[in-house]
Amino acid sequence: KRAPQWVINAKLEWLQRIISEPKKQIKRCSLIVTSLPGIYIKEY
């Protein structure tokens, strides 16, 4: 199942996915955390 709607609205779906699939999702979330600040600054 997908995360409840209130979790999605709170932008916390990533946390629910980490809990359900820690090995896969920690790696994916780490990529976001390390990459998006630079991507944001470039767009700014």
All heavy atoms as atom14 arrays in JSON, in Angstrom:
{
  "sequence": "KRAPQWVINAKLEWLQRIISEPKKQIKRCSLIVTSLPGIYIKEY",
  "atom14_mask": [
    [1, 1, 1, 1, 1, 1, 1, 1, 1, 0, 0, 0, 0, 0],
    [1, 1, 1, 1, 1, 1, 1, 1, 1, 1, 1, 0, 0, 0],
    [1, 1, 1, 1, 1, 0, 0, 0, 0, 0, 0, 0, 0, 0],
    [1, 1, 1, 1, 1, 1, 1, 0, 0, 0, 0, 0, 0, 0],
    [1, 1, 1, 1, 1, 1, 1, 1, 1, 0, 0, 0, 0, 0],
    [1, 1, 1, 1, 1, 1, 1, 1, 1, 1, 1, 1, 1, 1],
    [1, 1, 1, 1, 1, 1, 1, 0, 0, 0, 0, 0, 0, 0],
    [1, 1, 1, 1, 1, 1, 1, 1, 0, 0, 0, 0, 0, 0],
    [1, 1, 1, 1, 1, 1, 1, 1, 0, 0, 0, 0, 0, 0],
    [1, 1, 1, 1, 1, 0, 0, 0, 0, 0, 0, 0, 0, 0],
    [1, 1, 1, 1, 1, 1, 1, 1, 1, 0, 0, 0, 0, 0],
    [1, 1, 1, 1, 1, 1, 1, 1, 0, 0, 0, 0, 0, 0],
    [1, 1, 1, 1, 1, 1, 1, 1, 1, 0, 0, 0, 0, 0],
    [1, 1, 1, 1, 1, 1, 1, 1, 1, 1, 1, 1, 1, 1],
    [1, 1, 1, 1, 1, 1, 1, 1, 0, 0, 0, 0, 0, 0],
    [1, 1, 1, 1, 1, 1, 1, 1, 1, 0, 0, 0, 0, 0],
    [1, 1, 1, 1, 1, 1, 1, 1, 1, 1, 1, 0, 0, 0],
    [1, 1, 1, 1, 1, 1, 1, 1, 0, 0, 0, 0, 0, 0],
    [1, 1, 1, 1, 1, 1, 1, 1, 0, 0, 0, 0, 0, 0],
    [1, 1, 1, 1, 1, 1, 0, 0, 0, 0, 0, 0, 0, 0],
    [1, 1, 1, 1, 1, 1, 1, 1, 1, 0, 0, 0, 0, 0],
    [1, 1, 1, 1, 1, 1, 1, 0, 0, 0, 0, 0, 0, 0],
    [1, 1, 1, 1, 1, 1, 1, 1, 1, 0, 0, 0, 0, 0],
    [1, 1, 1, 1, 1, 1, 1, 1, 1, 0, 0, 0, 0, 0],
    [1, 1, 1, 1, 1, 1, 1, 1, 1, 0, 0, 0, 0, 0],
    [1, 1, 1, 1, 1, 1, 1, 1, 0, 0, 0, 0, 0, 0],
    [1, 1, 1, 1, 1, 1, 1, 1, 1, 0, 0, 0, 0, 0],
    [1, 1, 1, 1, 1, 1, 1, 1, 1, 1, 1, 0, 0, 0],
    [1, 1, 1, 1, 1, 1, 0, 0, 0, 0, 0, 0, 0, 0],
    [1, 1, 1, 1, 1, 1, 0, 0, 0, 0, 0, 0, 0, 0],
    [1, 1, 1, 1, 1, 1, 1, 1, 0, 0, 0, 0, 0, 0],
    [1, 1, 1, 1, 1, 1, 1, 1, 0, 0, 0, 0, 0, 0],
    [1, 1, 1, 1, 1, 1, 1, 0, 0, 0, 0, 0, 0, 0],
    [1, 1, 1, 1, 1, 1, 1, 0, 0, 0, 0, 0, 0, 0],
    [1, 1, 1, 1, 1, 1, 0, 0, 0, 0, 0, 0, 0, 0],
    [1, 1, 1, 1, 1, 1, 1, 1, 0, 0, 0, 0, 0, 0],
    [1, 1, 1, 1, 1, 1, 1, 0, 0, 0, 0, 0, 0, 0],
    [1, 1, 1, 1, 0, 0, 0, 0, 0, 0, 0, 0, 0, 0],
    [1, 1, 1, 1, 1, 1, 1, 1, 0, 0, 0, 0, 0, 0],
    [1, 1, 1, 1, 1, 1, 1, 1, 1, 1, 1, 1, 0, 0],
    [1, 1, 1, 1, 1, 1, 1, 1, 0, 0, 0, 0, 0, 0],
    [1, 1, 1, 1, 1, 1, 1, 1, 1, 0, 0, 0, 0, 0],
    [1, 1, 1, 1, 1, 1, 1, 1, 1, 0, 0, 0, 0, 0],
    [1, 1, 1, 1, 1, 1, 1, 1, 1, 1, 1, 1, 0, 0]
  ],
  "atom14_positions": [
    [[0.82, -1.2, 0.0], [0.0, 0.0, 0.0], [0.86, 1.27, 0.0], [1.98, 1.29, 0.52], [-0.93, 0.02, 1.21], [-2.03, -1.03, 1.15], [-2.97, -0.89, 2.33], [-4.1, -1.89, 2.25], [-5.04, -1.78, 3.39], [0.0, 0.0, 0.0], [0.0, 0.0, 0.0], [0.0, 0.0, 0.0], [0.0, 0.0, 0.0], [0.0, 0.0, 0.0]],
    [[0.29, 2.33, -0.56], [0.94, 3.63, -0.53], [0.71, 4.27, 0.83], [-0.19, 3.87, 1.58], [0.36, 4.53, -1.64], [1.2, 5.77, -1.89], [0.65, 6.62, -3.0], [1.47, 7.8, -3.18], [1.11, 8.86, -3.88], [-0.07, 8.9, -4.48], [1.91, 9.9, -3.99], [0.0, 0.0, 0.0], [0.0, 0.0, 0.0], [0.0, 0.0, 0.0]],
    [[1.51, 5.27, 1.14], [1.37, 5.98, 2.41], [0.0, 6.66, 2.5], [-0.59, 7.02, 1.47], [2.48, 7.03, 2.54], [0.0, 0.0, 0.0], [0.0, 0.0, 0.0], [0.0, 0.0, 0.0], [0.0, 0.0, 0.0], [0.0, 0.0, 0.0], [0.0, 0.0, 0.0], [0.0, 0.0, 0.0], [0.0, 0.0, 0.0], [0.0, 0.0, 0.0]],
    [[-0.54, 6.87, 3.71], [-1.8, 7.59, 3.87], [-1.7, 9.0, 3.29], [-0.61, 9.58, 3.2], [-1.99, 7.64, 5.39], [-1.16, 6.51, 5.92], [0.01, 6.4, 5.0], [0.0, 0.0, 0.0], [0.0, 0.0, 0.0], [0.0, 0.0, 0.0], [0.0, 0.0, 0.0], [0.0, 0.0, 0.0], [0.0, 0.0, 0.0], [0.0, 0.0, 0.0]],
    [[-2.83, 9.58, 2.92], [-2.85, 10.88, 2.26], [-2.23, 11.97, 3.12], [-1.55, 12.87, 2.61], [-4.28, 11.26, 1.88], [-4.37, 12.48, 0.96], [-3.63, 12.28, -0.36], [-3.81, 11.25, -1.01], [-2.8, 13.24, -0.75], [0.0, 0.0, 0.0], [0.0, 0.0, 0.0], [0.0, 0.0, 0.0], [0.0, 0.0, 0.0], [0.0, 0.0, 0.0]],
    [[-2.43, 11.9, 4.45], [-1.87, 12.95, 5.3], [-0.35, 12.91, 5.3], [0.31, 13.95, 5.4], [-2.42, 12.85, 6.72], [-1.94, 11.67, 7.52], [-2.51, 10.45, 7.65], [-0.73, 11.62, 8.31], [-1.76, 9.62, 8.46], [-0.67, 10.33, 8.88], [0.29, 12.53, 8.6], [0.37, 9.92, 9.71], [1.33, 12.14, 9.43], [1.37, 10.85, 9.98]],
    [[0.21, 11.71, 5.16], [1.67, 11.57, 5.07], [2.17, 12.17, 3.75], [3.18, 12.87, 3.71], [2.08, 10.09, 5.18], [3.58, 9.92, 4.93], [1.69, 9.53, 6.53], [0.0, 0.0, 0.0], [0.0, 0.0, 0.0], [0.0, 0.0, 0.0], [0.0, 0.0, 0.0], [0.0, 0.0, 0.0], [0.0, 0.0, 0.0], [0.0, 0.0, 0.0]],
    [[1.43, 11.91, 2.66], [1.79, 12.47, 1.35], [1.71, 13.99, 1.39], [2.61, 14.69, 0.92], [0.86, 11.91, 0.26], [1.04, 10.39, 0.14], [1.13, 12.58, -1.09], [0.0, 9.71, -0.73], [0.0, 0.0, 0.0], [0.0, 0.0, 0.0], [0.0, 0.0, 0.0], [0.0, 0.0, 0.0], [0.0, 0.0, 0.0], [0.0, 0.0, 0.0]],
    [[0.63, 14.52, 1.98], [0.45, 15.97, 2.05], [1.54, 16.64, 2.88], [1.92, 17.79, 2.61], [-0.92, 16.3, 2.65], [-2.07, 15.9, 1.74], [-1.87, 15.7, 0.55], [-3.26, 15.77, 2.3], [0.0, 0.0, 0.0], [0.0, 0.0, 0.0], [0.0, 0.0, 0.0], [0.0, 0.0, 0.0], [0.0, 0.0, 0.0], [0.0, 0.0, 0.0]],
    [[2.04, 15.92, 3.87], [3.11, 16.46, 4.73], [4.51, 16.28, 4.14], [5.5, 16.63, 4.77], [3.05, 15.8, 6.1], [0.0, 0.0, 0.0], [0.0, 0.0, 0.0], [0.0, 0.0, 0.0], [0.0, 0.0, 0.0], [0.0, 0.0, 0.0], [0.0, 0.0, 0.0], [0.0, 0.0, 0.0], [0.0, 0.0, 0.0], [0.0, 0.0, 0.0]],
    [[4.57, 15.79, 2.91], [5.84, 15.55, 2.21], [6.71, 14.55, 2.96], [7.94, 14.63, 2.96], [6.63, 16.86, 2.01], [5.81, 18.03, 1.49], [5.18, 17.76, 0.16], [4.38, 18.96, -0.34], [3.59, 18.66, -1.55], [0.0, 0.0, 0.0], [0.0, 0.0, 0.0], [0.0, 0.0, 0.0], [0.0, 0.0, 0.0], [0.0, 0.0, 0.0]],
    [[6.07, 13.55, 3.57], [6.81, 12.56, 4.36], [6.71, 11.15, 3.78], [7.04, 10.17, 4.45], [6.29, 12.56, 5.81], [6.56, 13.82, 6.63], [5.86, 13.72, 7.98], [8.06, 14.04, 6.81], [0.0, 0.0, 0.0], [0.0, 0.0, 0.0], [0.0, 0.0, 0.0], [0.0, 0.0, 0.0], [0.0, 0.0, 0.0], [0.0, 0.0, 0.0]],
    [[6.28, 11.05, 2.53], [6.14, 9.72, 1.93], [7.48, 9.0, 1.86], [7.56, 7.78, 1.96], [5.53, 9.83, 0.54], [5.16, 8.49, -0.06], [4.36, 8.59, -1.34], [4.26, 9.71, -1.9], [3.83, 7.56, -1.8], [0.0, 0.0, 0.0], [0.0, 0.0, 0.0], [0.0, 0.0, 0.0], [0.0, 0.0, 0.0], [0.0, 0.0, 0.0]],
    [[8.56, 9.79, 1.69], [9.89, 9.19, 1.64], [10.2, 8.43, 2.93], [10.85, 7.38, 2.91], [10.95, 10.29, 1.42], [10.94, 11.36, 2.49], [10.19, 12.51, 2.5], [11.68, 11.37, 3.71], [10.43, 13.23, 3.65], [11.35, 12.56, 4.4], [12.61, 10.5, 4.28], [11.89, 12.9, 5.64], [13.16, 10.82, 5.52], [12.8, 12.02, 6.17]],
    [[9.71, 8.96, 4.07], [9.95, 8.31, 5.36], [9.21, 6.98, 5.44], [9.76, 5.97, 5.91], [9.51, 9.23, 6.5], [9.75, 8.72, 7.92], [11.24, 8.43, 8.14], [9.25, 9.75, 8.94], [0.0, 0.0, 0.0], [0.0, 0.0, 0.0], [0.0, 0.0, 0.0], [0.0, 0.0, 0.0], [0.0, 0.0, 0.0], [0.0, 0.0, 0.0]],
    [[7.98, 6.97, 4.96], [7.2, 5.72, 4.95], [7.87, 4.68, 4.07], [7.89, 3.49, 4.4], [5.77, 6.03, 4.47], [4.81, 4.86, 4.58], [4.76, 3.99, 3.33], [5.25, 4.39, 2.28], [4.2, 2.8, 3.46], [0.0, 0.0, 0.0], [0.0, 0.0, 0.0], [0.0, 0.0, 0.0], [0.0, 0.0, 0.0], [0.0, 0.0, 0.0]],
    [[8.42, 5.13, 2.93], [9.08, 4.17, 2.03], [10.38, 3.64, 2.64], [10.73, 2.48, 2.43], [9.34, 4.85, 0.68], [8.08, 5.14, -0.09], [8.37, 5.49, -1.53], [7.14, 5.7, -2.28], [7.09, 5.87, -3.61], [8.21, 5.83, -4.31], [5.95, 6.06, -4.21], [0.0, 0.0, 0.0], [0.0, 0.0, 0.0], [0.0, 0.0, 0.0]],
    [[11.1, 4.47, 3.38], [12.31, 4.0, 4.06], [11.96, 2.91, 5.06], [12.65, 1.89, 5.18], [13.04, 5.17, 4.76], [13.74, 6.05, 3.72], [14.05, 4.65, 5.77], [14.45, 7.24, 4.31], [0.0, 0.0, 0.0], [0.0, 0.0, 0.0], [0.0, 0.0, 0.0], [0.0, 0.0, 0.0], [0.0, 0.0, 0.0], [0.0, 0.0, 0.0]],
    [[10.86, 3.11, 5.79], [10.44, 2.13, 6.79], [10.05, 0.81, 6.12], [10.38, -0.28, 6.62], [9.26, 2.69, 7.6], [9.72, 3.88, 8.44], [8.66, 1.61, 8.5], [8.59, 4.63, 9.13], [0.0, 0.0, 0.0], [0.0, 0.0, 0.0], [0.0, 0.0, 0.0], [0.0, 0.0, 0.0], [0.0, 0.0, 0.0], [0.0, 0.0, 0.0]],
    [[9.39, 0.89, 4.96], [8.92, -0.32, 4.29], [10.01, -1.01, 3.47], [10.01, -2.23, 3.34], [7.73, 0.01, 3.39], [8.09, 0.93, 2.38], [0.0, 0.0, 0.0], [0.0, 0.0, 0.0], [0.0, 0.0, 0.0], [0.0, 0.0, 0.0], [0.0, 0.0, 0.0], [0.0, 0.0, 0.0], [0.0, 0.0, 0.0], [0.0, 0.0, 0.0]],
    [[10.94, -0.22, 2.9], [12.02, -0.79, 2.08], [13.35, -0.08, 2.41], [13.89, 0.65, 1.6], [11.73, -0.6, 0.58], [10.5, -1.3, 0.07], [10.29, -1.05, -1.41], [9.96, 0.09, -1.79], [10.48, -2.0, -2.21], [0.0, 0.0, 0.0], [0.0, 0.0, 0.0], [0.0, 0.0, 0.0], [0.0, 0.0, 0.0], [0.0, 0.0, 0.0]],
    [[13.87, -0.29, 3.62], [15.04, 0.49, 4.06], [16.27, 0.37, 3.16], [16.91, 1.38, 2.87], [15.33, -0.07, 5.47], [14.63, -1.4, 5.51], [13.43, -1.25, 4.63], [0.0, 0.0, 0.0], [0.0, 0.0, 0.0], [0.0, 0.0, 0.0], [0.0, 0.0, 0.0], [0.0, 0.0, 0.0], [0.0, 0.0, 0.0], [0.0, 0.0, 0.0]],
    [[16.6, -0.83, 2.73], [17.82, -1.02, 1.93], [17.76, -0.23, 0.63], [18.72, 0.45, 0.24], [18.03, -2.5, 1.64], [19.33, -2.8, 0.92], [19.52, -4.3, 0.76], [20.84, -4.61, 0.05], [21.06, -6.08, -0.11], [0.0, 0.0, 0.0], [0.0, 0.0, 0.0], [0.0, 0.0, 0.0], [0.0, 0.0, 0.0], [0.0, 0.0, 0.0]],
    [[16.63, -0.3, -0.05], [16.46, 0.38, -1.33], [16.29, 1.88, -1.16], [16.94, 2.68, -1.85], [15.26, -0.2, -2.06], [14.91, 0.51, -3.37], [13.67, -0.1, -4.0], [13.27, 0.64, -5.26], [12.04, 0.05, -5.88], [0.0, 0.0, 0.0], [0.0, 0.0, 0.0], [0.0, 0.0, 0.0], [0.0, 0.0, 0.0], [0.0, 0.0, 0.0]],
    [[15.43, 2.28, -0.23], [15.03, 3.68, -0.14], [16.07, 4.57, 0.53], [16.16, 5.77, 0.22], [13.7, 3.8, 0.59], [12.54, 3.12, -0.15], [12.31, 3.69, -1.54], [12.61, 4.85, -1.81], [11.76, 2.88, -2.43], [0.0, 0.0, 0.0], [0.0, 0.0, 0.0], [0.0, 0.0, 0.0], [0.0, 0.0, 0.0], [0.0, 0.0, 0.0]],
    [[16.86, 4.04, 1.45], [17.92, 4.86, 2.06], [18.92, 5.31, 1.0], [19.36, 6.46, 0.97], [18.63, 4.08, 3.19], [17.7, 3.99, 4.41], [19.94, 4.76, 3.58], [18.26, 3.16, 5.55], [0.0, 0.0, 0.0], [0.0, 0.0, 0.0], [0.0, 0.0, 0.0], [0.0, 0.0, 0.0], [0.0, 0.0, 0.0], [0.0, 0.0, 0.0]],
    [[19.25, 4.41, 0.09], [20.17, 4.75, -0.99], [19.57, 5.82, -1.89], [20.25, 6.79, -2.28], [20.49, 3.49, -1.81], [21.48, 3.72, -2.94], [21.78, 2.42, -3.66], [22.77, 2.65, -4.8], [23.08, 1.38, -5.52], [0.0, 0.0, 0.0], [0.0, 0.0, 0.0], [0.0, 0.0, 0.0], [0.0, 0.0, 0.0], [0.0, 0.0, 0.0]],
    [[18.29, 5.7, -2.21], [17.62, 6.66, -3.09], [17.5, 8.02, -2.41], [17.75, 9.06, -3.03], [16.24, 6.13, -3.49], [16.31, 4.91, -4.4], [14.97, 4.2, -4.49], [13.99, 4.96, -5.25], [13.81, 4.85, -6.56], [14.56, 4.0, -7.27], [12.88, 5.54, -7.16], [0.0, 0.0, 0.0], [0.0, 0.0, 0.0], [0.0, 0.0, 0.0]],
    [[17.13, 8.02, -1.13], [17.0, 9.28, -0.4], [18.35, 9.96, -0.21], [18.44, 11.19, -0.24], [16.33, 9.05, 0.94], [14.57, 8.66, 0.81], [0.0, 0.0, 0.0], [0.0, 0.0, 0.0], [0.0, 0.0, 0.0], [0.0, 0.0, 0.0], [0.0, 0.0, 0.0], [0.0, 0.0, 0.0], [0.0, 0.0, 0.0], [0.0, 0.0, 0.0]],
    [[19.39, 9.18, -0.04], [20.74, 9.74, 0.09], [21.15, 10.46, -1.19], [21.78, 11.52, -1.14], [21.75, 8.64, 0.42], [21.47, 8.05, 1.66], [0.0, 0.0, 0.0], [0.0, 0.0, 0.0], [0.0, 0.0, 0.0], [0.0, 0.0, 0.0], [0.0, 0.0, 0.0], [0.0, 0.0, 0.0], [0.0, 0.0, 0.0], [0.0, 0.0, 0.0]],
    [[20.76, 9.9, -2.32], [21.05, 10.54, -3.61], [20.37, 11.89, -3.7], [20.97, 12.88, -4.14], [20.59, 9.63, -4.76], [20.73, 10.2, -6.17], [22.2, 10.48, -6.5], [20.13, 9.24, -7.19], [0.0, 0.0, 0.0], [0.0, 0.0, 0.0], [0.0, 0.0, 0.0], [0.0, 0.0, 0.0], [0.0, 0.0, 0.0], [0.0, 0.0, 0.0]],
    [[19.11, 11.95, -3.25], [18.37, 13.22, -3.27], [19.03, 14.25, -2.36], [19.26, 15.4, -2.74], [16.91, 13.0, -2.85], [16.18, 12.14, -3.89], [16.18, 14.32, -2.67], [14.77, 11.77, -3.51], [0.0, 0.0, 0.0], [0.0, 0.0, 0.0], [0.0, 0.0, 0.0], [0.0, 0.0, 0.0], [0.0, 0.0, 0.0], [0.0, 0.0, 0.0]],
    [[19.33, 13.83, -1.14], [19.89, 14.75, -0.14], [21.23, 15.33, -0.6], [21.51, 16.52, -0.4], [20.05, 14.03, 1.22], [20.87, 14.88, 2.19], [18.69, 13.72, 1.81], [0.0, 0.0, 0.0], [0.0, 0.0, 0.0], [0.0, 0.0, 0.0], [0.0, 0.0, 0.0], [0.0, 0.0, 0.0], [0.0, 0.0, 0.0], [0.0, 0.0, 0.0]],
    [[22.04, 14.5, -1.25], [23.37, 14.97, -1.66], [23.35, 15.75, -2.98], [24.26, 16.53, -3.25], [24.34, 13.79, -1.8], [23.8, 12.82, -2.72], [24.56, 13.12, -0.45], [0.0, 0.0, 0.0], [0.0, 0.0, 0.0], [0.0, 0.0, 0.0], [0.0, 0.0, 0.0], [0.0, 0.0, 0.0], [0.0, 0.0, 0.0], [0.0, 0.0, 0.0]],
    [[22.32, 15.55, -3.79], [22.29, 16.15, -5.12], [21.44, 17.41, -5.24], [21.82, 18.37, -5.91], [21.79, 15.13, -6.15], [22.6, 14.0, -6.19], [0.0, 0.0, 0.0], [0.0, 0.0, 0.0], [0.0, 0.0, 0.0], [0.0, 0.0, 0.0], [0.0, 0.0, 0.0], [0.0, 0.0, 0.0], [0.0, 0.0, 0.0], [0.0, 0.0, 0.0]],
    [[20.29, 17.43, -4.58], [19.33, 18.5, -4.82], [19.77, 19.88, -4.35], [19.38, 20.88, -4.98], [17.98, 18.14, -4.23], [17.24, 17.02, -4.96], [15.78, 16.96, -4.5], [17.27, 17.22, -6.48], [0.0, 0.0, 0.0], [0.0, 0.0, 0.0], [0.0, 0.0, 0.0], [0.0, 0.0, 0.0], [0.0, 0.0, 0.0], [0.0, 0.0, 0.0]],
    [[20.54, 20.02, -3.27], [20.99, 21.38, -2.93], [21.74, 22.06, -4.07], [21.5, 23.24, -4.39], [21.9, 21.16, -1.71], [21.34, 19.92, -1.08], [20.92, 19.05, -2.22], [0.0, 0.0, 0.0], [0.0, 0.0, 0.0], [0.0, 0.0, 0.0], [0.0, 0.0, 0.0], [0.0, 0.0, 0.0], [0.0, 0.0, 0.0], [0.0, 0.0, 0.0]],
    [[22.65, 21.32, -4.72], [23.39, 21.89, -5.85], [22.5, 22.19, -7.03], [22.66, 23.2, -7.72], [0.0, 0.0, 0.0], [0.0, 0.0, 0.0], [0.0, 0.0, 0.0], [0.0, 0.0, 0.0], [0.0, 0.0, 0.0], [0.0, 0.0, 0.0], [0.0, 0.0, 0.0], [0.0, 0.0, 0.0], [0.0, 0.0, 0.0], [0.0, 0.0, 0.0]],
    [[21.51, 21.3, -7.28], [20.56, 21.51, -8.38], [19.71, 22.74, -8.1], [19.45, 23.56, -9.0], [19.68, 20.26, -8.55], [20.54, 19.07, -8.99], [18.57, 20.52, -9.57], [19.79, 17.75, -8.99], [0.0, 0.0, 0.0], [0.0, 0.0, 0.0], [0.0, 0.0, 0.0], [0.0, 0.0, 0.0], [0.0, 0.0, 0.0], [0.0, 0.0, 0.0]],
    [[19.29, 22.91, -6.86], [18.49, 24.08, -6.46], [19.28, 25.37, -6.66], [18.77, 26.35, -7.23], [18.07, 23.94, -5.0], [17.27, 25.1, -4.47], [15.88, 25.05, -4.44], [17.9, 26.25, -3.99], [15.13, 26.12, -3.96], [17.17, 27.32, -3.51], [15.79, 27.26, -3.49], [15.07, 28.33, -3.01], [0.0, 0.0, 0.0], [0.0, 0.0, 0.0]],
    [[20.52, 25.38, -6.2], [21.36, 26.59, -6.31], [21.59, 26.96, -7.78], [21.56, 28.13, -8.16], [22.7, 26.37, -5.58], [22.46, 26.28, -4.06], [23.69, 27.49, -5.89], [23.66, 25.82, -3.27], [0.0, 0.0, 0.0], [0.0, 0.0, 0.0], [0.0, 0.0, 0.0], [0.0, 0.0, 0.0], [0.0, 0.0, 0.0], [0.0, 0.0, 0.0]],
    [[21.81, 25.95, -8.6], [22.02, 26.2, -10.03], [20.8, 26.84, -10.66], [20.91, 27.79, -11.46], [22.35, 24.88, -10.74], [22.67, 25.03, -12.22], [23.05, 23.68, -12.83], [23.36, 23.82, -14.31], [23.73, 22.5, -14.91], [0.0, 0.0, 0.0], [0.0, 0.0, 0.0], [0.0, 0.0, 0.0], [0.0, 0.0, 0.0], [0.0, 0.0, 0.0]],
    [[19.6, 26.36, -10.3], [18.36, 26.93, -10.85], [18.13, 28.35, -10.32], [17.68, 29.24, -11.05], [17.17, 26.05, -10.51], [15.89, 26.41, -11.21], [15.88, 26.06, -12.69], [16.72, 25.23, -13.11], [15.02, 26.6, -13.42], [0.0, 0.0, 0.0], [0.0, 0.0, 0.0], [0.0, 0.0, 0.0], [0.0, 0.0, 0.0], [0.0, 0.0, 0.0]],
    [[18.48, 28.57, -9.06], [18.33, 29.9, -8.48], [19.24, 30.91, -9.18], [18.83, 32.03, -9.5], [18.66, 29.85, -6.98], [18.52, 31.19, -6.29], [17.26, 31.65, -5.89], [19.63, 31.99, -6.04], [17.12, 32.88, -5.26], [19.5, 33.22, -5.41], [18.24, 33.66, -5.03], [18.11, 34.89, -4.41], [0.0, 0.0, 0.0], [0.0, 0.0, 0.0]]
  ]
}
